PDB file of N, CA and C in Angstrom:
ATOM      1  N   UNK A   1      44.371 -24.594  52.480  1.00  0.00           N
ATOM      2  CA  UNK A   1      45.514 -23.911  53.035  1.00  0.00           C
ATOM      3  C   UNK A   1      45.071 -23.182  54.301  1.00  0.00           C
ATOM      4  N   UNK A   2      45.911 -23.174  55.309  1.00  0.00           N
ATOM      5  CA  UNK A   2      45.646 -22.490  56.566  1.00  0.00           C
ATOM      6  C   UNK A   2      46.225 -21.075  56.476  1.00  0.00           C
ATOM      7  N   UNK A   3      45.348 -20.074  56.462  1.00  0.00           N
ATOM      8  CA  UNK A   3      45.759 -18.690  56.238  1.00  0.00           C
ATOM      9  C   UNK A   3      45.458 -17.852  57.473  1.00  0.00           C
ATOM     10  N   UNK A   4      46.432 -17.055  57.869  1.00  0.00           N
ATOM     11  CA  UNK A   4      46.253 -16.115  58.963  1.00  0.00           C
ATOM     12  C   UNK A   4      46.226 -14.699  58.432  1.00  0.00           C
ATOM     13  N   UNK A   5      45.202 -13.956  58.809  1.00  0.00           N
ATOM     14  CA  UNK A   5      45.151 -12.530  58.494  1.00  0.00           C
ATOM     15  C   UNK A   5      45.474 -11.806  59.797  1.00  0.00           C
ATOM     16  N   UNK A   6      46.625 -11.177  59.826  1.00  0.00           N
ATOM     17  CA  UNK A   6      47.079 -10.467  61.017  1.00  0.00           C
ATOM     18  C   UNK A   6      47.010  -8.980  60.704  1.00  0.00           C
ATOM     19  N   UNK A   7      46.265  -8.240  61.527  1.00  0.00           N
ATOM     20  CA  UNK A   7      46.022  -6.857  61.149  1.00  0.00           C
ATOM     21  C   UNK A   7      46.045  -5.906  62.323  1.00  0.00           C
ATOM     22  N   UNK A   8      46.265  -4.658  61.981  1.00  0.00           N
ATOM     23  CA  UNK A   8      46.108  -3.548  62.912  1.00  0.00           C
ATOM     24  C   UNK A   8      45.121  -2.581  62.273  1.00  0.00           C
ATOM     25  N   UNK A   9      44.116  -2.190  63.045  1.00  0.00           N
ATOM     26  CA  UNK A   9      43.095  -1.277  62.522  1.00  0.00           C
ATOM     27  C   UNK A   9      42.684  -0.314  63.622  1.00  0.00           C
ATOM     28  N   UNK A  10      42.921   0.975  63.406  1.00  0.00           N
ATOM     29  CA  UNK A  10      42.517   1.985  64.388  1.00  0.00           C
ATOM     30  C   UNK A  10      41.053   2.358  64.233  1.00  0.00           C
ATOM     31  N   UNK A  11      40.611   2.539  63.007  1.00  0.00           N
ATOM     32  CA  UNK A  11      39.257   3.041  62.763  1.00  0.00           C
ATOM     33  C   UNK A  11      38.259   1.948  62.402  1.00  0.00           C
ATOM     34  N   UNK A  12      38.748   0.750  62.103  1.00  0.00           N
ATOM     35  CA  UNK A  12      37.866  -0.340  61.710  1.00  0.00           C
ATOM     36  C   UNK A  12      37.824  -0.590  60.217  1.00  0.00           C
ATOM     37  N   UNK A  13      38.375   0.314  59.410  1.00  0.00           N
ATOM     38  CA  UNK A  13      38.348   0.122  57.959  1.00  0.00           C
ATOM     39  C   UNK A  13      39.180  -1.082  57.521  1.00  0.00           C
ATOM     40  N   UNK A  14      40.392  -1.196  58.030  1.00  0.00           N
ATOM     41  CA  UNK A  14      41.250  -2.332  57.668  1.00  0.00           C
ATOM     42  C   UNK A  14      40.607  -3.637  58.131  1.00  0.00           C
ATOM     43  N   UNK A  15      39.985  -3.603  59.298  1.00  0.00           N
ATOM     44  CA  UNK A  15      39.305  -4.792  59.808  1.00  0.00           C
ATOM     45  C   UNK A  15      38.145  -5.195  58.897  1.00  0.00           C
ATOM     46  N   UNK A  16      37.350  -4.235  58.431  1.00  0.00           N
ATOM     47  CA  UNK A  16      36.207  -4.571  57.568  1.00  0.00           C
ATOM     48  C   UNK A  16      36.673  -5.153  56.235  1.00  0.00           C
ATOM     49  N   UNK A  17      37.766  -4.640  55.684  1.00  0.00           N
ATOM     50  CA  UNK A  17      38.315  -5.211  54.448  1.00  0.00           C
ATOM     51  C   UNK A  17      38.809  -6.634  54.714  1.00  0.00           C
ATOM     52  N   UNK A  18      39.411  -6.853  55.872  1.00  0.00           N
ATOM     53  CA  UNK A  18      39.903  -8.185  56.232  1.00  0.00           C
ATOM     54  C   UNK A  18      38.764  -9.195  56.348  1.00  0.00           C
ATOM     55  N   UNK A  19      37.628  -8.761  56.879  1.00  0.00           N
ATOM     56  CA  UNK A  19      36.470  -9.655  56.972  1.00  0.00           C
ATOM     57  C   UNK A  19      35.979 -10.077  55.589  1.00  0.00           C
ATOM     58  N   UNK A  20      35.961  -9.144  54.652  1.00  0.00           N
ATOM     59  CA  UNK A  20      35.543  -9.476  53.279  1.00  0.00           C
ATOM     60  C   UNK A  20      36.532 -10.441  52.633  1.00  0.00           C
ATOM     61  N   UNK A  21      37.824 -10.215  52.860  1.00  0.00           N
ATOM     62  CA  UNK A  21      38.845 -11.117  52.330  1.00  0.00           C
ATOM     63  C   UNK A  21      38.688 -12.508  52.932  1.00  0.00           C
ATOM     64  N   UNK A  22      38.429 -12.576  54.230  1.00  0.00           N
ATOM     65  CA  UNK A  22      38.234 -13.864  54.895  1.00  0.00           C
ATOM     66  C   UNK A  22      37.087 -14.634  54.249  1.00  0.00           C
ATOM     67  N   UNK A  23      35.963 -13.965  53.999  1.00  0.00           N
ATOM     68  CA  UNK A  23      34.815 -14.616  53.359  1.00  0.00           C
ATOM     69  C   UNK A  23      35.196 -15.205  52.005  1.00  0.00           C
ATOM     70  N   UNK A  24      35.915 -14.435  51.202  1.00  0.00           N
ATOM     71  CA  UNK A  24      36.328 -14.901  49.866  1.00  0.00           C
ATOM     72  C   UNK A  24      37.259 -16.104  49.967  1.00  0.00           C
ATOM     73  N   UNK A  25      38.197 -16.061  50.904  1.00  0.00           N
ATOM     74  CA  UNK A  25      39.149 -17.166  51.053  1.00  0.00           C
ATOM     75  C   UNK A  25      38.458 -18.438  51.557  1.00  0.00           C
ATOM     76  N   UNK A  26      37.505 -18.291  52.452  1.00  0.00           N
ATOM     77  CA  UNK A  26      36.750 -19.456  52.935  1.00  0.00           C
ATOM     78  C   UNK A  26      35.932 -20.054  51.797  1.00  0.00           C
ATOM     79  N   UNK A  27      35.304 -19.200  50.991  1.00  0.00           N
ATOM     80  CA  UNK A  27      34.545 -19.668  49.831  1.00  0.00           C
ATOM     81  C   UNK A  27      35.438 -20.447  48.872  1.00  0.00           C
ATOM     82  N   UNK A  28      36.709 -20.062  48.800  1.00  0.00           N
ATOM     83  CA  UNK A  28      37.670 -20.750  47.927  1.00  0.00           C
ATOM     84  C   UNK A  28      38.221 -22.026  48.567  1.00  0.00           C
ATOM     85  N   UNK A  29      37.760 -22.366  49.775  1.00  0.00           N
ATOM     86  CA  UNK A  29      38.138 -23.624  50.398  1.00  0.00           C
ATOM     87  C   UNK A  29      39.269 -23.556  51.406  1.00  0.00           C
ATOM     88  N   UNK A  30      39.655 -22.368  51.820  1.00  0.00           N
ATOM     89  CA  UNK A  30      40.756 -22.221  52.774  1.00  0.00           C
ATOM     90  C   UNK A  30      40.227 -22.093  54.201  1.00  0.00           C
ATOM     91  N   UNK A  31      41.088 -22.439  55.147  1.00  0.00           N
ATOM     92  CA  UNK A  31      40.821 -22.198  56.560  1.00  0.00           C
ATOM     93  C   UNK A  31      41.461 -20.853  56.907  1.00  0.00           C
ATOM     94  N   UNK A  32      40.691 -19.938  57.505  1.00  0.00           N
ATOM     95  CA  UNK A  32      41.189 -18.575  57.716  1.00  0.00           C
ATOM     96  C   UNK A  32      40.890 -18.109  59.140  1.00  0.00           C
ATOM     97  N   UNK A  33      41.912 -17.534  59.777  1.00  0.00           N
ATOM     98  CA  UNK A  33      41.758 -16.889  61.083  1.00  0.00           C
ATOM     99  C   UNK A  33      42.135 -15.426  60.942  1.00  0.00           C
ATOM    100  N   UNK A  34      41.421 -14.567  61.648  1.00  0.00           N
ATOM    101  CA  UNK A  34      41.801 -13.161  61.740  1.00  0.00           C
ATOM    102  C   UNK A  34      42.328 -12.929  63.149  1.00  0.00           C
ATOM    103  N   UNK A  35      43.510 -12.330  63.225  1.00  0.00           N
ATOM    104  CA  UNK A  35      44.098 -11.979  64.513  1.00  0.00           C
ATOM    105  C   UNK A  35      44.447 -10.498  64.484  1.00  0.00           C
ATOM    106  N   UNK A  36      43.978  -9.786  65.495  1.00  0.00           N
ATOM    107  CA  UNK A  36      44.196  -8.331  65.547  1.00  0.00           C
ATOM    108  C   UNK A  36      45.343  -7.998  66.493  1.00  0.00           C
ATOM    109  N   UNK A  37      46.166  -7.055  66.066  1.00  0.00           N
ATOM    110  CA  UNK A  37      47.206  -6.517  66.934  1.00  0.00           C
ATOM    111  C   UNK A  37      46.551  -5.508  67.862  1.00  0.00           C
ATOM    112  N   UNK A  38      46.758  -5.680  69.154  1.00  0.00           N
ATOM    113  CA  UNK A  38      46.219  -4.739  70.131  1.00  0.00           C
ATOM    114  C   UNK A  38      47.389  -4.180  70.925  1.00  0.00           C
ATOM    115  N   UNK A  39      47.385  -2.878  71.097  1.00  0.00           N
ATOM    116  CA  UNK A  39      48.497  -2.208  71.763  1.00  0.00           C
ATOM    117  C   UNK A  39      48.070  -1.624  73.101  1.00  0.00           C
ATOM    118  N   UNK A  40      49.062  -1.398  73.951  1.00  0.00           N
ATOM    119  CA  UNK A  40      48.842  -0.748  75.236  1.00  0.00           C
ATOM    120  C   UNK A  40      49.046   0.749  75.027  1.00  0.00           C
ATOM    121  N   UNK A  41      48.083   1.543  75.412  1.00  0.00           N
ATOM    122  CA  UNK A  41      48.228   2.992  75.318  1.00  0.00           C
ATOM    123  C   UNK A  41      47.839   3.559  73.972  1.00  0.00           C
ATOM    124  N   UNK A  42      48.127   4.832  73.821  1.00  0.00           N
ATOM    125  CA  UNK A  42      47.773   5.579  72.614  1.00  0.00           C
ATOM    126  C   UNK A  42      48.836   5.393  71.537  1.00  0.00           C
ATOM    127  N   UNK A  43      48.385   5.343  70.299  1.00  0.00           N
ATOM    128  CA  UNK A  43      49.302   5.203  69.162  1.00  0.00           C
ATOM    129  C   UNK A  43      49.260   6.485  68.342  1.00  0.00           C
ATOM    130  N   UNK A  44      50.440   7.039  68.112  1.00  0.00           N
ATOM    131  CA  UNK A  44      50.573   8.216  67.258  1.00  0.00           C
ATOM    132  C   UNK A  44      51.568   7.890  66.158  1.00  0.00           C
ATOM    133  N   UNK A  45      51.423   8.492  64.981  1.00  0.00           N
ATOM    134  CA  UNK A  45      52.388   8.238  63.903  1.00  0.00           C
ATOM    135  C   UNK A  45      53.813   8.529  64.362  1.00  0.00           C
ATOM    136  N   UNK A  46      54.714   7.639  64.009  1.00  0.00           N
ATOM    137  CA  UNK A  46      56.122   7.817  64.327  1.00  0.00           C
ATOM    138  C   UNK A  46      56.544   7.289  65.683  1.00  0.00           C
ATOM    139  N   UNK A  47      55.601   6.874  66.514  1.00  0.00           N
ATOM    140  CA  UNK A  47      55.962   6.344  67.825  1.00  0.00           C
ATOM    141  C   UNK A  47      56.791   5.070  67.650  1.00  0.00           C
ATOM    142  N   UNK A  48      57.842   4.940  68.430  1.00  0.00           N
ATOM    143  CA  UNK A  48      58.755   3.799  68.287  1.00  0.00           C
ATOM    144  C   UNK A  48      58.561   2.747  69.372  1.00  0.00           C
ATOM    145  N   UNK A  49      58.223   3.173  70.574  1.00  0.00           N
ATOM    146  CA  UNK A  49      58.120   2.253  71.705  1.00  0.00           C
ATOM    147  C   UNK A  49      56.689   1.740  71.815  1.00  0.00           C
ATOM    148  N   UNK A  50      56.428   0.622  71.149  1.00  0.00           N
ATOM    149  CA  UNK A  50      55.072   0.072  71.120  1.00  0.00           C
ATOM    150  C   UNK A  50      55.023  -1.203  71.948  1.00  0.00           C
ATOM    151  N   UNK A  51      54.083  -1.243  72.862  1.00  0.00           N
ATOM    152  CA  UNK A  51      53.879  -2.432  73.688  1.00  0.00           C
ATOM    153  C   UNK A  51      52.561  -3.069  73.254  1.00  0.00           C
ATOM    154  N   UNK A  52      52.594  -4.374  73.076  1.00  0.00           N
ATOM    155  CA  UNK A  52      51.430  -5.093  72.571  1.00  0.00           C
ATOM    156  C   UNK A  52      50.680  -5.804  73.684  1.00  0.00           C
ATOM    157  N   UNK A  53      49.345  -5.714  73.645  1.00  0.00           N
ATOM    158  CA  UNK A  53      48.494  -6.548  74.502  1.00  0.00           C
ATOM    159  C   UNK A  53      48.480  -7.960  73.947  1.00  0.00           C
ATOM    160  N   UNK A  54      48.413  -8.055  72.634  1.00  0.00           N
ATOM    161  CA  UNK A  54      48.412  -9.347  71.954  1.00  0.00           C
ATOM    162  C   UNK A  54      49.489  -9.324  70.882  1.00  0.00           C
ATOM    163  N   UNK A  55      50.180 -10.443  70.718  1.00  0.00           N
ATOM    164  CA  UNK A  55      51.219 -10.570  69.699  1.00  0.00           C
ATOM    165  C   UNK A  55      50.980 -11.900  68.987  1.00  0.00           C
ATOM    166  N   UNK A  56      50.188 -11.892  67.915  1.00  0.00           N
ATOM    167  CA  UNK A  56      49.832 -13.138  67.228  1.00  0.00           C
ATOM    168  C   UNK A  56      51.054 -13.911  66.733  1.00  0.00           C
ATOM    169  N   UNK A  57      50.960 -15.226  66.832  1.00  0.00           N
ATOM    170  CA  UNK A  57      52.020 -16.118  66.368  1.00  0.00           C
ATOM    171  C   UNK A  57      51.781 -16.451  64.898  1.00  0.00           C
ATOM    172  N   UNK A  58      52.759 -16.184  64.054  1.00  0.00           N
ATOM    173  CA  UNK A  58      52.632 -16.437  62.618  1.00  0.00           C
ATOM    174  C   UNK A  58      52.974 -17.878  62.248  1.00  0.00           C
ATOM    175  N   UNK A  59      53.581 -18.622  63.154  1.00  0.00           N
ATOM    176  CA  UNK A  59      54.080 -19.967  62.834  1.00  0.00           C
ATOM    177  C   UNK A  59      53.022 -20.960  62.360  1.00  0.00           C
ATOM    178  N   UNK A  60      51.820 -20.987  62.926  1.00  0.00           N
ATOM    179  CA  UNK A  60      50.878 -22.048  62.538  1.00  0.00           C
ATOM    180  C   UNK A  60      50.312 -21.936  61.122  1.00  0.00           C
ATOM    181  N   UNK A  61      50.562 -20.835  60.444  1.00  0.00           N
ATOM    182  CA  UNK A  61      49.910 -20.597  59.158  1.00  0.00           C
ATOM    183  C   UNK A  61      50.800 -20.951  57.971  1.00  0.00           C
ATOM    184  N   UNK A  62      50.156 -21.466  56.914  1.00  0.00           N
ATOM    185  CA  UNK A  62      50.851 -21.744  55.650  1.00  0.00           C
ATOM    186  C   UNK A  62      51.065 -20.454  54.866  1.00  0.00           C
ATOM    187  N   UNK A  63      50.130 -19.528  55.009  1.00  0.00           N
ATOM    188  CA  UNK A  63      50.194 -18.242  54.313  1.00  0.00           C
ATOM    189  C   UNK A  63      49.688 -17.161  55.257  1.00  0.00           C
ATOM    190  N   UNK A  64      50.194 -15.959  55.052  1.00  0.00           N
ATOM    191  CA  UNK A  64      49.826 -14.836  55.908  1.00  0.00           C
ATOM    192  C   UNK A  64      49.435 -13.631  55.072  1.00  0.00           C
ATOM    193  N   UNK A  65      48.442 -12.904  55.570  1.00  0.00           N
ATOM    194  CA  UNK A  65      48.086 -11.611  55.000  1.00  0.00           C
ATOM    195  C   UNK A  65      48.222 -10.614  56.145  1.00  0.00           C
ATOM    196  N   UNK A  66      49.043  -9.602  55.950  1.00  0.00           N
ATOM    197  CA  UNK A  66      49.208  -8.560  56.947  1.00  0.00           C
ATOM    198  C   UNK A  66      48.405  -7.350  56.502  1.00  0.00           C
ATOM    199  N   UNK A  67      47.555  -6.842  57.384  1.00  0.00           N
ATOM    200  CA  UNK A  67      46.724  -5.690  57.062  1.00  0.00           C
ATOM    201  C   UNK A  67      47.045  -4.526  57.976  1.00  0.00           C
ATOM    202  N   UNK A  68      47.184  -3.351  57.381  1.00  0.00           N
ATOM    203  CA  UNK A  68      47.555  -2.180  58.162  1.00  0.00           C
ATOM    204  C   UNK A  68      47.120  -0.908  57.452  1.00  0.00           C
ATOM    205  N   UNK A  69      46.768   0.118  58.228  1.00  0.00           N
ATOM    206  CA  UNK A  69      46.534   1.412  57.601  1.00  0.00           C
ATOM    207  C   UNK A  69      47.866   2.060  57.234  1.00  0.00           C
ATOM    208  N   UNK A  70      47.787   3.035  56.370  1.00  0.00           N
ATOM    209  CA  UNK A  70      48.954   3.850  56.031  1.00  0.00           C
ATOM    210  C   UNK A  70      48.896   5.089  56.914  1.00  0.00           C
ATOM    211  N   UNK A  71      50.024   5.420  57.528  1.00  0.00           N
ATOM    212  CA  UNK A  71      50.091   6.616  58.367  1.00  0.00           C
ATOM    213  C   UNK A  71      51.275   7.459  57.909  1.00  0.00           C
ATOM    214  N   UNK A  72      51.022   8.691  57.553  1.00  0.00           N
ATOM    215  CA  UNK A  72      52.069   9.615  57.084  1.00  0.00           C
ATOM    216  C   UNK A  72      52.840   9.008  55.913  1.00  0.00           C
ATOM    217  N   UNK A  73      52.113   8.439  54.961  1.00  0.00           N
ATOM    218  CA  UNK A  73      52.673   7.853  53.735  1.00  0.00           C
ATOM    219  C   UNK A  73      53.552   6.629  53.998  1.00  0.00           C
ATOM    220  N   UNK A  74      53.413   5.997  55.154  1.00  0.00           N
ATOM    221  CA  UNK A  74      54.236   4.839  55.518  1.00  0.00           C
ATOM    222  C   UNK A  74      53.374   3.777  56.187  1.00  0.00           C
ATOM    223  N   UNK A  75      53.940   2.594  56.292  1.00  0.00           N
ATOM    224  CA  UNK A  75      53.307   1.526  57.051  1.00  0.00           C
ATOM    225  C   UNK A  75      53.122   2.010  58.485  1.00  0.00           C
ATOM    226  N   UNK A  76      52.016   1.667  59.107  1.00  0.00           N
ATOM    227  CA  UNK A  76      51.789   2.110  60.484  1.00  0.00           C
ATOM    228  C   UNK A  76      52.919   1.625  61.381  1.00  0.00           C
ATOM    229  N   UNK A  77      53.244   2.435  62.376  1.00  0.00           N
ATOM    230  CA  UNK A  77      54.325   2.075  63.291  1.00  0.00           C
ATOM    231  C   UNK A  77      53.996   0.806  64.066  1.00  0.00           C
ATOM    232  N   UNK A  78      52.717   0.541  64.298  1.00  0.00           N
ATOM    233  CA  UNK A  78      52.316  -0.676  65.008  1.00  0.00           C
ATOM    234  C   UNK A  78      52.679  -1.911  64.184  1.00  0.00           C
ATOM    235  N   UNK A  79      52.313  -1.926  62.909  1.00  0.00           N
ATOM    236  CA  UNK A  79      52.624  -3.082  62.068  1.00  0.00           C
ATOM    237  C   UNK A  79      54.130  -3.210  61.862  1.00  0.00           C
ATOM    238  N   UNK A  80      54.819  -2.092  61.671  1.00  0.00           N
ATOM    239  CA  UNK A  80      56.271  -2.136  61.493  1.00  0.00           C
ATOM    240  C   UNK A  80      56.939  -2.741  62.726  1.00  0.00           C
ATOM    241  N   UNK A  81      56.480  -2.370  63.903  1.00  0.00           N
ATOM    242  CA  UNK A  81      57.031  -2.917  65.141  1.00  0.00           C
ATOM    243  C   UNK A  81      56.750  -4.416  65.251  1.00  0.00           C
ATOM    244  N   UNK A  82      55.521  -4.818  64.933  1.00  0.00           N
ATOM    245  CA  UNK A  82      55.170  -6.244  64.974  1.00  0.00           C
ATOM    246  C   UNK A  82      56.052  -7.053  64.022  1.00  0.00           C
ATOM    247  N   UNK A  83      56.192  -6.582  62.792  1.00  0.00           N
ATOM    248  CA  UNK A  83      56.991  -7.314  61.804  1.00  0.00           C
ATOM    249  C   UNK A  83      58.447  -7.429  62.245  1.00  0.00           C
ATOM    250  N   UNK A  84      58.930  -6.459  63.005  1.00  0.00           N
ATOM    251  CA  UNK A  84      60.292  -6.515  63.520  1.00  0.00           C
ATOM    252  C   UNK A  84      60.468  -7.494  64.664  1.00  0.00           C
ATOM    253  N   UNK A  85      59.371  -7.947  65.262  1.00  0.00           N
ATOM    254  CA  UNK A  85      59.440  -8.832  66.423  1.00  0.00           C
ATOM    255  C   UNK A  85      59.143 -10.297  66.123  1.00  0.00           C
ATOM    256  N   UNK A  86      58.572 -10.585  64.973  1.00  0.00           N
ATOM    257  CA  UNK A  86      58.191 -11.970  64.706  1.00  0.00           C
ATOM    258  C   UNK A  86      59.365 -12.759  64.138  1.00  0.00           C
ATOM    259  N   UNK A  87      59.250 -14.057  64.232  1.00  0.00           N
ATOM    260  CA  UNK A  87      60.278 -14.955  63.704  1.00  0.00           C
ATOM    261  C   UNK A  87      60.279 -14.901  62.175  1.00  0.00           C
ATOM    262  N   UNK A  88      61.198 -15.575  61.594  1.00  0.00           N
ATOM    263  CA  UNK A  88      61.353 -15.600  60.136  1.00  0.00           C
ATOM    264  C   UNK A  88      60.069 -16.052  59.442  1.00  0.00           C
ATOM    265  N   UNK A  89      59.819 -15.451  58.300  1.00  0.00           N
ATOM    266  CA  UNK A  89      58.680 -15.841  57.470  1.00  0.00           C
ATOM    267  C   UNK A  89      59.130 -16.720  56.312  1.00  0.00           C
ATOM    268  N   UNK A  90      60.341 -17.187  56.379  1.00  0.00           N
ATOM    269  CA  UNK A  90      60.897 -18.007  55.303  1.00  0.00           C
ATOM    270  C   UNK A  90      60.008 -19.224  55.058  1.00  0.00           C
ATOM    271  N   UNK A  91      59.715 -19.466  53.786  1.00  0.00           N
ATOM    272  CA  UNK A  91      58.901 -20.612  53.398  1.00  0.00           C
ATOM    273  C   UNK A  91      57.402 -20.356  53.442  1.00  0.00           C
ATOM    274  N   UNK A  92      56.995 -19.180  53.891  1.00  0.00           N
ATOM    275  CA  UNK A  92      55.567 -18.857  53.952  1.00  0.00           C
ATOM    276  C   UNK A  92      55.187 -17.947  52.790  1.00  0.00           C
ATOM    277  N   UNK A  93      53.971 -18.115  52.328  1.00  0.00           N
ATOM    278  CA  UNK A  93      53.427 -17.181  51.342  1.00  0.00           C
ATOM    279  C   UNK A  93      52.917 -15.973  52.119  1.00  0.00           C
ATOM    280  N   UNK A  94      53.239 -14.781  51.622  1.00  0.00           N
ATOM    281  CA  UNK A  94      52.890 -13.561  52.343  1.00  0.00           C
ATOM    282  C   UNK A  94      52.266 -12.551  51.386  1.00  0.00           C
ATOM    283  N   UNK A  95      51.221 -11.875  51.871  1.00  0.00           N
ATOM    284  CA  UNK A  95      50.593 -10.788  51.120  1.00  0.00           C
ATOM    285  C   UNK A  95      50.276  -9.667  52.109  1.00  0.00           C
ATOM    286  N   UNK A  96      50.061  -8.480  51.565  1.00  0.00           N
ATOM    287  CA  UNK A  96      49.747  -7.326  52.400  1.00  0.00           C
ATOM    288  C   UNK A  96      48.499  -6.632  51.873  1.00  0.00           C
ATOM    289  N   UNK A  97      47.732  -6.054  52.795  1.00  0.00           N
ATOM    290  CA  UNK A  97      46.637  -5.181  52.384  1.00  0.00           C
ATOM    291  C   UNK A  97      46.746  -3.897  53.185  1.00  0.00           C
ATOM    292  N   UNK A  98      46.570  -2.799  52.494  1.00  0.00           N
ATOM    293  CA  UNK A  98      46.660  -1.488  53.162  1.00  0.00           C
ATOM    294  C   UNK A  98      45.450  -0.656  52.787  1.00  0.00           C
TER     295      UNK A  98
END
């Protein structure tokens, strides 16, 4: 299965967990790519106007794992903004890691 791990990580913790997940999925026989969300400027909790340097395409993957830190007891505003901009995930297997 072709799996995309799309993540946002400010401190590197979410990224390090994603790398471990990638290793496990490859060992299980899957093809896995990690794509990081990169933003322009500073990110603060609750910010609404987020501009992306990179906006990964979810279409090529059979399954997706979205990784994000929790900010103020909620999904990070960066990941929430990304999820609001991508095309339908209908027919795809989806998982989240926080």
